[in-house]
C-alpha atoms as a PDB file:
ATOM      1  CA  UNK A   1     138.946 148.002 100.677  1.00  0.00           C
ATOM      2  CA  UNK A   2     137.782 151.584 100.331  1.00  0.00           C
ATOM      3  CA  UNK A   3     135.239 153.100 102.670  1.00  0.00           C
ATOM      4  CA  UNK A   4     133.843 156.535 101.999  1.00  0.00           C
ATOM      5  CA  UNK A   5     135.580 159.225 104.014  1.00  0.00           C
ATOM      6  CA  UNK A   6     132.149 160.729 104.588  1.00  0.00           C
ATOM      7  CA  UNK A   7     131.420 157.945 107.062  1.00  0.00           C
ATOM      8  CA  UNK A   8     133.929 158.836 109.741  1.00  0.00           C
ATOM      9  CA  UNK A   9     132.059 160.050 112.837  1.00  0.00           C
ATOM     10  CA  UNK A  10     133.825 160.870 116.064  1.00  0.00           C
ATOM     11  CA  UNK A  11     132.403 159.611 119.407  1.00  0.00           C
ATOM     12  CA  UNK A  12     131.343 163.203 120.030  1.00  0.00           C
ATOM     13  CA  UNK A  13     132.239 166.375 118.187  1.00  0.00           C
ATOM     14  CA  UNK A  14     134.760 168.309 120.235  1.00  0.00           C
ATOM     15  CA  UNK A  15     137.458 170.819 119.238  1.00  0.00           C
ATOM     16  CA  UNK A  16     140.161 168.730 120.958  1.00  0.00           C
ATOM     17  CA  UNK A  17     139.238 165.613 119.011  1.00  0.00           C
ATOM     18  CA  UNK A  18     140.779 165.520 115.549  1.00  0.00           C
ATOM     19  CA  UNK A  19     139.269 162.711 113.512  1.00  0.00           C
ATOM     20  CA  UNK A  20     142.173 162.962 111.066  1.00  0.00           C
ATOM     21  CA  UNK A  21     144.315 161.408 113.822  1.00  0.00           C
ATOM     22  CA  UNK A  22     142.405 158.151 113.336  1.00  0.00           C
ATOM     23  CA  UNK A  23     142.324 157.256 109.611  1.00  0.00           C
ATOM     24  CA  UNK A  24     139.873 154.432 109.078  1.00  0.00           C
ATOM     25  CA  UNK A  25     141.897 152.533 106.476  1.00  0.00           C
ATOM     26  CA  UNK A  26     144.948 152.492 108.749  1.00  0.00           C
ATOM     27  CA  UNK A  27     142.938 151.173 111.695  1.00  0.00           C
ATOM     28  CA  UNK A  28     141.210 148.432 109.717  1.00  0.00           C
ATOM     29  CA  UNK A  29     144.551 147.205 108.417  1.00  0.00           C
ATOM     30  CA  UNK A  30     145.574 146.267 111.936  1.00  0.00           C
ATOM     31  CA  UNK A  31     143.944 142.890 112.444  1.00  0.00           C
ATOM     32  CA  UNK A  32     144.304 142.253 116.164  1.00  0.00           C
ATOM     33  CA  UNK A  33     143.074 145.680 117.264  1.00  0.00           C
ATOM     34  CA  UNK A  34     139.920 145.425 115.200  1.00  0.00           C
ATOM     35  CA  UNK A  35     139.197 142.016 116.684  1.00  0.00           C
ATOM     36  CA  UNK A  36     138.888 143.676 120.090  1.00  0.00           C
ATOM     37  CA  UNK A  37     135.712 145.394 118.966  1.00  0.00           C
ATOM     38  CA  UNK A  38     133.676 142.698 117.234  1.00  0.00           C
ATOM     39  CA  UNK A  39     133.118 138.978 117.443  1.00  0.00           C
ATOM     40  CA  UNK A  40     133.821 138.624 113.762  1.00  0.00           C
ATOM     41  CA  UNK A  41     136.707 137.543 111.593  1.00  0.00           C
ATOM     42  CA  UNK A  42     139.003 140.192 110.161  1.00  0.00           C
ATOM     43  CA  UNK A  43     137.679 139.539 106.642  1.00  0.00           C
ATOM     44  CA  UNK A  44     134.129 140.247 107.814  1.00  0.00           C
ATOM     45  CA  UNK A  45     135.242 143.438 109.545  1.00  0.00           C
ATOM     46  CA  UNK A  46     137.171 144.568 106.466  1.00  0.00           C
ATOM     47  CA  UNK A  47     134.036 144.213 104.342  1.00  0.00           C
ATOM     48  CA  UNK A  48     131.865 146.378 106.572  1.00  0.00           C
ATOM     49  CA  UNK A  49     130.179 149.273 104.837  1.00  0.00           C
ATOM     50  CA  UNK A  50     127.776 152.045 105.679  1.00  0.00           C
ATOM     51  CA  UNK A  51     126.472 152.267 109.221  1.00  0.00           C
ATOM     52  CA  UNK A  52     128.347 149.182 110.444  1.00  0.00           C
ATOM     53  CA  UNK A  53     131.657 150.639 109.294  1.00  0.00           C
ATOM     54  CA  UNK A  54     130.838 153.950 110.933  1.00  0.00           C
ATOM     55  CA  UNK A  55     130.040 152.280 114.243  1.00  0.00           C
ATOM     56  CA  UNK A  56     133.242 150.239 114.135  1.00  0.00           C
ATOM     57  CA  UNK A  57     135.308 153.329 113.390  1.00  0.00           C
ATOM     58  CA  UNK A  58     133.635 155.303 116.182  1.00  0.00           C
ATOM     59  CA  UNK A  59     134.463 152.555 118.697  1.00  0.00           C
ATOM     60  CA  UNK A  60     138.122 152.536 117.743  1.00  0.00           C
ATOM     61  CA  UNK A  61     138.289 156.337 117.814  1.00  0.00           C
ATOM     62  CA  UNK A  62     136.816 156.250 121.302  1.00  0.00           C
ATOM     63  CA  UNK A  63     139.505 153.787 122.379  1.00  0.00           C
ATOM     64  CA  UNK A  64     142.224 156.138 121.178  1.00  0.00           C
ATOM     65  CA  UNK A  65     140.637 159.137 122.825  1.00  0.00           C
ATOM     66  CA  UNK A  66     140.284 157.287 126.123  1.00  0.00           C
ATOM     67  CA  UNK A  67     144.010 156.547 125.984  1.00  0.00           C
ATOM     68  CA  UNK A  68     144.803 160.214 125.455  1.00  0.00           C
ATOM     69  CA  UNK A  69     142.592 161.238 128.359  1.00  0.00           C
ATOM     70  CA  UNK A  70     144.139 158.590 130.633  1.00  0.00           C
ATOM     71  CA  UNK A  71     147.647 159.848 129.980  1.00  0.00           C
ATOM     72  CA  UNK A  72     146.846 163.549 130.341  1.00  0.00           C
ATOM     73  CA  UNK A  73     144.345 163.312 133.232  1.00  0.00           C
ATOM     74  CA  UNK A  74     141.836 165.295 131.159  1.00  0.00           C
ATOM     75  CA  UNK A  75     138.661 164.417 129.329  1.00  0.00           C
ATOM     76  CA  UNK A  76     136.668 167.183 127.636  1.00  0.00           C
ATOM     77  CA  UNK A  77     133.617 164.905 127.424  1.00  0.00           C
ATOM     78  CA  UNK A  78     133.136 165.137 131.191  1.00  0.00           C
ATOM     79  CA  UNK A  79     131.278 168.122 132.720  1.00  0.00           C
ATOM     80  CA  UNK A  80     133.121 170.670 134.803  1.00  0.00           C
ATOM     81  CA  UNK A  81     132.933 169.943 138.504  1.00  0.00           C
ATOM     82  CA  UNK A  82     130.812 173.032 139.038  1.00  0.00           C
ATOM     83  CA  UNK A  83     128.321 171.668 136.495  1.00  0.00           C
ATOM     84  CA  UNK A  84     128.271 168.060 137.662  1.00  0.00           C
ATOM     85  CA  UNK A  85     125.247 166.874 139.597  1.00  0.00           C
ATOM     86  CA  UNK A  86     127.063 163.972 141.231  1.00  0.00           C
ATOM     87  CA  UNK A  87     129.851 164.565 143.759  1.00  0.00           C
ATOM     88  CA  UNK A  88     133.280 164.522 142.081  1.00  0.00           C
ATOM     89  CA  UNK A  89     135.450 161.459 142.364  1.00  0.00           C
ATOM     90  CA  UNK A  90     138.426 161.859 144.695  1.00  0.00           C
ATOM     91  CA  UNK A  91     141.718 162.795 143.102  1.00  0.00           C
ATOM     92  CA  UNK A  92     144.125 159.850 142.732  1.00  0.00           C
ATOM     93  CA  UNK A  93     146.962 159.950 145.240  1.00  0.00           C
ATOM     94  CA  UNK A  94     150.167 161.641 144.147  1.00  0.00           C
ATOM     95  CA  UNK A  95     152.558 158.916 143.054  1.00  0.00           C
ATOM     96  CA  UNK A  96     156.271 159.054 143.640  1.00  0.00           C
ATOM     97  CA  UNK A  97     158.530 158.263 140.722  1.00  0.00           C
ATOM     98  CA  UNK A  98     160.688 155.978 142.836  1.00  0.00           C
ATOM     99  CA  UNK A  99     161.544 152.451 141.778  1.00  0.00           C
ATOM    100  CA  UNK A 100     163.400 149.453 143.173  1.00  0.00           C
ATOM    101  CA  UNK A 101     166.948 148.756 141.990  1.00  0.00           C
ATOM    102  CA  UNK A 102     168.303 145.201 142.124  1.00  0.00           C
ATOM    103  CA  UNK A 103     171.848 143.896 141.825  1.00  0.00           C
ATOM    104  CA  UNK A 104     172.546 140.772 139.740  1.00  0.00           C
ATOM    105  CA  UNK A 105     171.948 137.883 139.437  1.00  0.00           C
ATOM    106  CA  UNK A 106     168.332 137.774 138.295  1.00  0.00           C
ATOM    107  CA  UNK A 107     167.586 135.251 141.061  1.00  0.00           C
ATOM    108  CA  UNK A 108     168.055 138.067 143.587  1.00  0.00           C
ATOM    109  CA  UNK A 109     164.542 138.903 144.753  1.00  0.00           C
ATOM    110  CA  UNK A 110     165.291 141.758 147.162  1.00  0.00           C
ATOM    111  CA  UNK A 111     166.185 145.286 146.030  1.00  0.00           C
ATOM    112  CA  UNK A 112     169.470 146.857 147.070  1.00  0.00           C
ATOM    113  CA  UNK A 113     168.219 150.448 146.990  1.00  0.00           C
ATOM    114  CA  UNK A 114     165.566 152.942 145.953  1.00  0.00           C
ATOM    115  CA  UNK A 115     166.246 154.821 142.719  1.00  0.00           C
ATOM    116  CA  UNK A 116     164.705 157.611 140.673  1.00  0.00           C
ATOM    117  CA  UNK A 117     164.351 157.522 136.915  1.00  0.00           C
ATOM    118  CA  UNK A 118     167.037 160.173 136.598  1.00  0.00           C
ATOM    119  CA  UNK A 119     169.459 158.009 138.587  1.00  0.00           C
ATOM    120  CA  UNK A 120     168.661 155.070 136.301  1.00  0.00           C
ATOM    121  CA  UNK A 121     169.367 157.265 133.272  1.00  0.00           C
ATOM    122  CA  UNK A 122     172.740 158.237 134.751  1.00  0.00           C
ATOM    123  CA  UNK A 123     173.638 154.579 135.301  1.00  0.00           C
ATOM    124  CA  UNK A 124     172.636 153.680 131.741  1.00  0.00           C
ATOM    125  CA  UNK A 125     174.705 156.456 130.192  1.00  0.00           C
ATOM    126  CA  UNK A 126     177.744 156.672 132.492  1.00  0.00           C
ATOM    127  CA  UNK A 127     178.450 153.451 134.373  1.00  0.00           C
ATOM    128  CA  UNK A 128     181.700 151.897 133.152  1.00  0.00           C
ATOM    129  CA  UNK A 129     181.003 148.441 134.570  1.00  0.00           C
ATOM    130  CA  UNK A 130     177.647 148.368 132.810  1.00  0.00           C
ATOM    131  CA  UNK A 131     179.361 149.491 129.605  1.00  0.00           C
ATOM    132  CA  UNK A 132     181.732 146.520 129.739  1.00  0.00           C
ATOM    133  CA  UNK A 133     178.919 144.054 130.474  1.00  0.00           C
ATOM    134  CA  UNK A 134     176.851 145.420 127.581  1.00  0.00           C
ATOM    135  CA  UNK A 135     179.790 145.140 125.188  1.00  0.00           C
ATOM    136  CA  UNK A 136     180.237 141.456 126.070  1.00  0.00           C
ATOM    137  CA  UNK A 137     176.481 140.773 125.901  1.00  0.00           C
ATOM    138  CA  UNK A 138     176.319 142.185 122.371  1.00  0.00           C
ATOM    139  CA  UNK A 139     179.199 139.904 121.330  1.00  0.00           C
ATOM    140  CA  UNK A 140     177.417 136.879 122.812  1.00  0.00           C
ATOM    141  CA  UNK A 141     174.216 137.860 121.025  1.00  0.00           C
ATOM    142  CA  UNK A 142     176.092 137.913 117.696  1.00  0.00           C
ATOM    143  CA  UNK A 143     177.447 134.466 118.576  1.00  0.00           C
ATOM    144  CA  UNK A 144     173.870 133.298 119.150  1.00  0.00           C
ATOM    145  CA  UNK A 145     172.882 134.626 115.709  1.00  0.00           C
ATOM    146  CA  UNK A 146     175.708 132.665 114.130  1.00  0.00           C
ATOM    147  CA  UNK A 147     175.289 129.387 116.034  1.00  0.00           C
ATOM    148  CA  UNK A 148     171.638 129.336 117.110  1.00  0.00           C
ATOM    149  CA  UNK A 149     172.740 128.666 120.708  1.00  0.00           C
ATOM    150  CA  UNK A 150     171.259 131.364 122.962  1.00  0.00           C
ATOM    151  CA  UNK A 151     172.265 129.867 126.318  1.00  0.00           C
ATOM    152  CA  UNK A 152     175.628 131.680 126.762  1.00  0.00           C
ATOM    153  CA  UNK A 153     173.975 135.046 126.046  1.00  0.00           C
ATOM    154  CA  UNK A 154     171.034 134.377 128.366  1.00  0.00           C
ATOM    155  CA  UNK A 155     173.250 133.093 131.183  1.00  0.00           C
ATOM    156  CA  UNK A 156     175.553 136.107 130.970  1.00  0.00           C
ATOM    157  CA  UNK A 157     172.636 138.513 130.933  1.00  0.00           C
ATOM    158  CA  UNK A 158     171.016 136.837 133.947  1.00  0.00           C
ATOM    159  CA  UNK A 159     174.192 136.999 136.019  1.00  0.00           C
ATOM    160  CA  UNK A 160     175.756 140.303 134.949  1.00  0.00           C
ATOM    161  CA  UNK A 161     173.141 143.034 134.622  1.00  0.00           C
ATOM    162  CA  UNK A 162     171.394 145.049 137.340  1.00  0.00           C
ATOM    163  CA  UNK A 163     167.644 145.358 136.929  1.00  0.00           C
ATOM    164  CA  UNK A 164     164.786 147.555 138.138  1.00  0.00           C
ATOM    165  CA  UNK A 165     161.049 147.404 138.722  1.00  0.00           C
ATOM    166  CA  UNK A 166     159.873 150.497 136.854  1.00  0.00           C
ATOM    167  CA  UNK A 167     156.285 150.293 138.117  1.00  0.00           C
ATOM    168  CA  UNK A 168     157.121 150.983 141.748  1.00  0.00           C
ATOM    169  CA  UNK A 169     158.837 150.163 144.997  1.00  0.00           C
ATOM    170  CA  UNK A 170     158.855 146.525 146.100  1.00  0.00           C
ATOM    171  CA  UNK A 171     160.178 144.977 149.296  1.00  0.00           C
ATOM    172  CA  UNK A 172     160.828 141.929 147.119  1.00  0.00           C
ATOM    173  CA  UNK A 173     159.879 140.782 143.645  1.00  0.00           C
ATOM    174  CA  UNK A 174     156.198 139.941 143.253  1.00  0.00           C
ATOM    175  CA  UNK A 175     153.023 141.993 142.765  1.00  0.00           C
ATOM    176  CA  UNK A 176     151.846 141.302 146.320  1.00  0.00           C
ATOM    177  CA  UNK A 177     155.006 142.988 147.604  1.00  0.00           C
ATOM    178  CA  UNK A 178     154.312 146.332 145.909  1.00  0.00           C
ATOM    179  CA  UNK A 179     154.714 149.159 148.419  1.00  0.00           C
ATOM    180  CA  UNK A 180     154.373 152.297 146.278  1.00  0.00           C
ATOM    181  CA  UNK A 181     153.094 152.475 142.707  1.00  0.00           C
ATOM    182  CA  UNK A 182     155.096 154.785 140.431  1.00  0.00           C
ATOM    183  CA  UNK A 183     152.617 154.922 137.496  1.00  0.00           C
ATOM    184  CA  UNK A 184     155.575 154.166 135.202  1.00  0.00           C
ATOM    185  CA  UNK A 185     155.274 151.421 132.586  1.00  0.00           C
ATOM    186  CA  UNK A 186     158.112 149.790 130.672  1.00  0.00           C
ATOM    187  CA  UNK A 187     157.543 148.432 127.164  1.00  0.00           C
ATOM    188  CA  UNK A 188     159.979 145.854 125.816  1.00  0.00           C
ATOM    189  CA  UNK A 189     160.296 145.998 122.027  1.00  0.00           C
ATOM    190  CA  UNK A 190     162.428 143.136 120.709  1.00  0.00           C
ATOM    191  CA  UNK A 191     163.340 141.673 117.304  1.00  0.00           C
ATOM    192  CA  UNK A 192     160.429 139.523 116.134  1.00  0.00           C
ATOM    193  CA  UNK A 193     162.687 136.951 114.495  1.00  0.00           C
ATOM    194  CA  UNK A 194     166.338 137.624 115.352  1.00  0.00           C
ATOM    195  CA  UNK A 195     167.822 134.906 113.158  1.00  0.00           C
ATOM    196  CA  UNK A 196     165.558 135.252 110.120  1.00  0.00           C
ATOM    197  CA  UNK A 197     164.733 138.967 110.048  1.00  0.00           C
ATOM    198  CA  UNK A 198     167.040 140.931 112.331  1.00  0.00           C
ATOM    199  CA  UNK A 199     166.612 144.720 112.184  1.00  0.00           C
ATOM    200  CA  UNK A 200     169.760 146.731 111.678  1.00  0.00           C
ATOM    201  CA  UNK A 201     171.210 148.718 114.569  1.00  0.00           C
ATOM    202  CA  UNK A 202     170.380 151.868 112.631  1.00  0.00           C
ATOM    203  CA  UNK A 203     166.716 150.817 112.350  1.00  0.00           C
ATOM    204  CA  UNK A 204     166.632 150.092 116.086  1.00  0.00           C
ATOM    205  CA  UNK A 205     168.170 153.457 116.953  1.00  0.00           C
ATOM    206  CA  UNK A 206     165.817 155.322 114.609  1.00  0.00           C
ATOM    207  CA  UNK A 207     162.773 153.582 116.086  1.00  0.00           C
ATOM    208  CA  UNK A 208     163.956 154.479 119.596  1.00  0.00           C
ATOM    209  CA  UNK A 209     164.140 158.154 118.628  1.00  0.00           C
ATOM    210  CA  UNK A 210     160.778 158.061 116.859  1.00  0.00           C
ATOM    211  CA  UNK A 211     158.966 156.468 119.798  1.00  0.00           C
ATOM    212  CA  UNK A 212     160.498 158.922 122.247  1.00  0.00           C
ATOM    213  CA  UNK A 213     159.071 161.835 120.223  1.00  0.00           C
ATOM    214  CA  UNK A 214     155.492 160.507 120.435  1.00  0.00           C
ATOM    215  CA  UNK A 215     153.258 163.444 121.394  1.00  0.00           C
ATOM    216  CA  UNK A 216     150.503 161.283 122.882  1.00  0.00           C
ATOM    217  CA  UNK A 217     152.607 159.031 125.112  1.00  0.00           C
ATOM    218  CA  UNK A 218     155.408 161.526 125.896  1.00  0.00           C
ATOM    219  CA  UNK A 219     157.879 158.813 127.056  1.00  0.00           C
ATOM    220  CA  UNK A 220     160.211 159.501 129.968  1.00  0.00           C
ATOM    221  CA  UNK A 221     163.049 157.143 129.041  1.00  0.00           C
ATOM    222  CA  UNK A 222     164.186 155.122 126.029  1.00  0.00           C
ATOM    223  CA  UNK A 223     167.315 152.987 125.740  1.00  0.00           C
ATOM    224  CA  UNK A 224     168.713 150.045 123.801  1.00  0.00           C
ATOM    225  CA  UNK A 225     168.528 146.580 125.405  1.00  0.00           C
ATOM    226  CA  UNK A 226     171.593 144.376 126.166  1.00  0.00           C
ATOM    227  CA  UNK A 227     171.451 142.641 122.774  1.00  0.00           C
ATOM    228  CA  UNK A 228     171.844 145.939 120.926  1.00  0.00           C
ATOM    229  CA  UNK A 229     168.719 145.241 118.853  1.00  0.00           C
ATOM    230  CA  UNK A 230     165.832 145.849 121.269  1.00  0.00           C
ATOM    231  CA  UNK A 231     164.295 148.936 122.864  1.00  0.00           C
ATOM    232  CA  UNK A 232     163.109 149.694 126.392  1.00  0.00           C
ATOM    233  CA  UNK A 233     160.474 152.440 126.440  1.00  0.00           C
ATOM    234  CA  UNK A 234     159.350 153.869 129.806  1.00  0.00           C
ATOM    235  CA  UNK A 235     156.143 155.914 129.959  1.00  0.00           C
ATOM    236  CA  UNK A 236     154.654 157.914 132.823  1.00  0.00           C
ATOM    237  CA  UNK A 237     150.907 157.197 132.745  1.00  0.00           C
ATOM    238  CA  UNK A 238     149.500 159.208 135.692  1.00  0.00           C
ATOM    239  CA  UNK A 239     147.107 156.395 136.641  1.00  0.00           C
ATOM    240  CA  UNK A 240     146.447 154.230 139.688  1.00  0.00           C
ATOM    241  CA  UNK A 241     147.668 150.652 139.962  1.00  0.00           C
ATOM    242  CA  UNK A 242     144.133 149.294 139.464  1.00  0.00           C
ATOM    243  CA  UNK A 243     144.242 150.462 135.837  1.00  0.00           C
ATOM    244  CA  UNK A 244     147.765 149.231 135.144  1.00  0.00           C
ATOM    245  CA  UNK A 245     147.001 146.171 132.996  1.00  0.00           C
ATOM    246  CA  UNK A 246     144.163 147.838 131.077  1.00  0.00           C
ATOM    247  CA  UNK A 247     146.131 150.960 130.172  1.00  0.00           C
ATOM    248  CA  UNK A 248     149.199 148.866 129.359  1.00  0.00           C
ATOM    249  CA  UNK A 249     147.222 146.929 126.755  1.00  0.00           C
ATOM    250  CA  UNK A 250     145.728 150.124 125.353  1.00  0.00           C
ATOM    251  CA  UNK A 251     149.210 151.560 124.858  1.00  0.00           C
ATOM    252  CA  UNK A 252     150.373 148.349 123.167  1.00  0.00           C
ATOM    253  CA  UNK A 253     147.426 148.638 120.763  1.00  0.00           C
ATOM    254  CA  UNK A 254     148.264 152.275 120.123  1.00  0.00           C
ATOM    255  CA  UNK A 255     151.925 151.496 119.391  1.00  0.00           C
ATOM    256  CA  UNK A 256     151.075 148.600 117.087  1.00  0.00           C
ATOM    257  CA  UNK A 257     148.703 150.732 115.022  1.00  0.00           C
ATOM    258  CA  UNK A 258     150.584 154.025 115.016  1.00  0.00           C
ATOM    259  CA  UNK A 259     153.976 152.505 114.232  1.00  0.00           C
ATOM    260  CA  UNK A 260     152.876 149.548 112.151  1.00  0.00           C
ATOM    261  CA  UNK A 261     155.091 150.470 109.188  1.00  0.00           C
ATOM    262  CA  UNK A 262     158.158 150.835 111.439  1.00  0.00           C
ATOM    263  CA  UNK A 263     157.513 147.660 113.451  1.00  0.00           C
ATOM    264  CA  UNK A 264     156.454 145.584 110.419  1.00  0.00           C
ATOM    265  CA  UNK A 265     157.715 142.036 110.898  1.00  0.00           C
ATOM    266  CA  UNK A 266     160.957 143.204 112.512  1.00  0.00           C
ATOM    267  CA  UNK A 267     159.844 144.057 116.060  1.00  0.00           C
ATOM    268  CA  UNK A 268     157.412 142.643 118.621  1.00  0.00           C
ATOM    269  CA  UNK A 269     156.119 144.266 121.808  1.00  0.00           C
ATOM    270  CA  UNK A 270     156.362 141.811 124.711  1.00  0.00           C
ATOM    271  CA  UNK A 271     152.889 141.809 126.295  1.00  0.00           C
ATOM    272  CA  UNK A 272     154.175 139.830 129.307  1.00  0.00           C
ATOM    273  CA  UNK A 273     155.634 143.099 130.555  1.00  0.00           C
ATOM    274  CA  UNK A 274     152.130 144.202 131.610  1.00  0.00           C
ATOM    275  CA  UNK A 275     152.827 142.370 134.885  1.00  0.00           C
ATOM    276  CA  UNK A 276     153.103 145.175 137.440  1.00  0.00           C
ATOM    277  CA  UNK A 277     156.060 143.433 139.120  1.00  0.00           C
ATOM    278  CA  UNK A 278     157.951 142.828 135.871  1.00  0.00           C
ATOM    279  CA  UNK A 279     161.636 143.746 136.124  1.00  0.00           C
ATOM    280  CA  UNK A 280     163.823 145.175 133.384  1.00  0.00           C
ATOM    281  CA  UNK A 281     167.538 144.760 132.765  1.00  0.00           C
ATOM    282  CA  UNK A 282     169.541 147.962 132.543  1.00  0.00           C
ATOM    283  CA  UNK A 283     172.091 148.171 129.748  1.00  0.00           C
ATOM    284  CA  UNK A 284     174.605 150.779 128.713  1.00  0.00           C
ATOM    285  CA  UNK A 285     173.378 153.240 126.095  1.00  0.00           C
ATOM    286  CA  UNK A 286     175.251 156.525 125.833  1.00  0.00           C
ATOM    287  CA  UNK A 287     172.518 157.792 123.476  1.00  0.00           C
ATOM    288  CA  UNK A 288     169.646 156.977 125.847  1.00  0.00           C
ATOM    289  CA  UNK A 289     166.829 159.557 125.855  1.00  0.00           C
ATOM    290  CA  UNK A 290     165.377 161.009 129.050  1.00  0.00           C
ATOM    291  CA  UNK A 291     162.653 163.463 130.072  1.00  0.00           C
ATOM    292  CA  UNK A 292     161.982 163.870 133.784  1.00  0.00           C
ATOM    293  CA  UNK A 293     158.400 162.701 134.524  1.00  0.00           C
ATOM    294  CA  UNK A 294     158.349 164.861 137.657  1.00  0.00           C
ATOM    295  CA  UNK A 295     158.132 167.879 135.371  1.00  0.00           C
ATOM    296  CA  UNK A 296     155.048 166.506 133.564  1.00  0.00           C
ATOM    297  CA  UNK A 297     152.651 166.321 136.467  1.00  0.00           C
END
């Protein structure tokens, strides 16, 4: 399908909005994202022309721009406070980047301590006990690939790895037990089909580095999961907890479109991680990437 490049309006002309960031052909190729904007099949959407295509493209551009504004706390479409006729909305409360740290096994529902993201990074890159557990987990994952039996790997992971709740402090596991929201989100990117189409470790490492360099999301932490073939990506969103699920889904859409060629059929983003109380296993990764979110506020 080819749609004239002349029909590519932005939601509103603004010097900070670069329409080249949102190529229409690339967006329309991504089936699930387009479905969010019209009650039509993908084939019908793909065949849109003229005004209908322009409207569809403008909606998707607006979605991207909203994501950028959410992550940077800025939106040039809004009037300055001195120009606004309505009273300004109150500033969101300052969120602490503190999270709950849990000792294994996974059935443990109460945290053992409060941790910062920097402390988590130090554990991931320096802890000898975690290094040994990760080495064994990788061996068990290879065994699973060879035999099809995942139980030994899963059982070892559930009983051997510490885990954290990146989205905040909890007195115990469960969204109703959230005490302080951190505005951090963790995205779990796993092999889509480990047995049939396993990415190489080099592909996984390269994708980790590429995602960490994203100029829109500006991730705070990226490390390899216990299997050796998945990625944990932690992003500081600067939002309140009421927007957590919505912004999480927006970021998933952004990742799926922006990195479609890298994800292909090799990786899937686990949407279940949008649960604000979702915990994440820590695993040893000496090449983990870290940028202190405290310095981005």
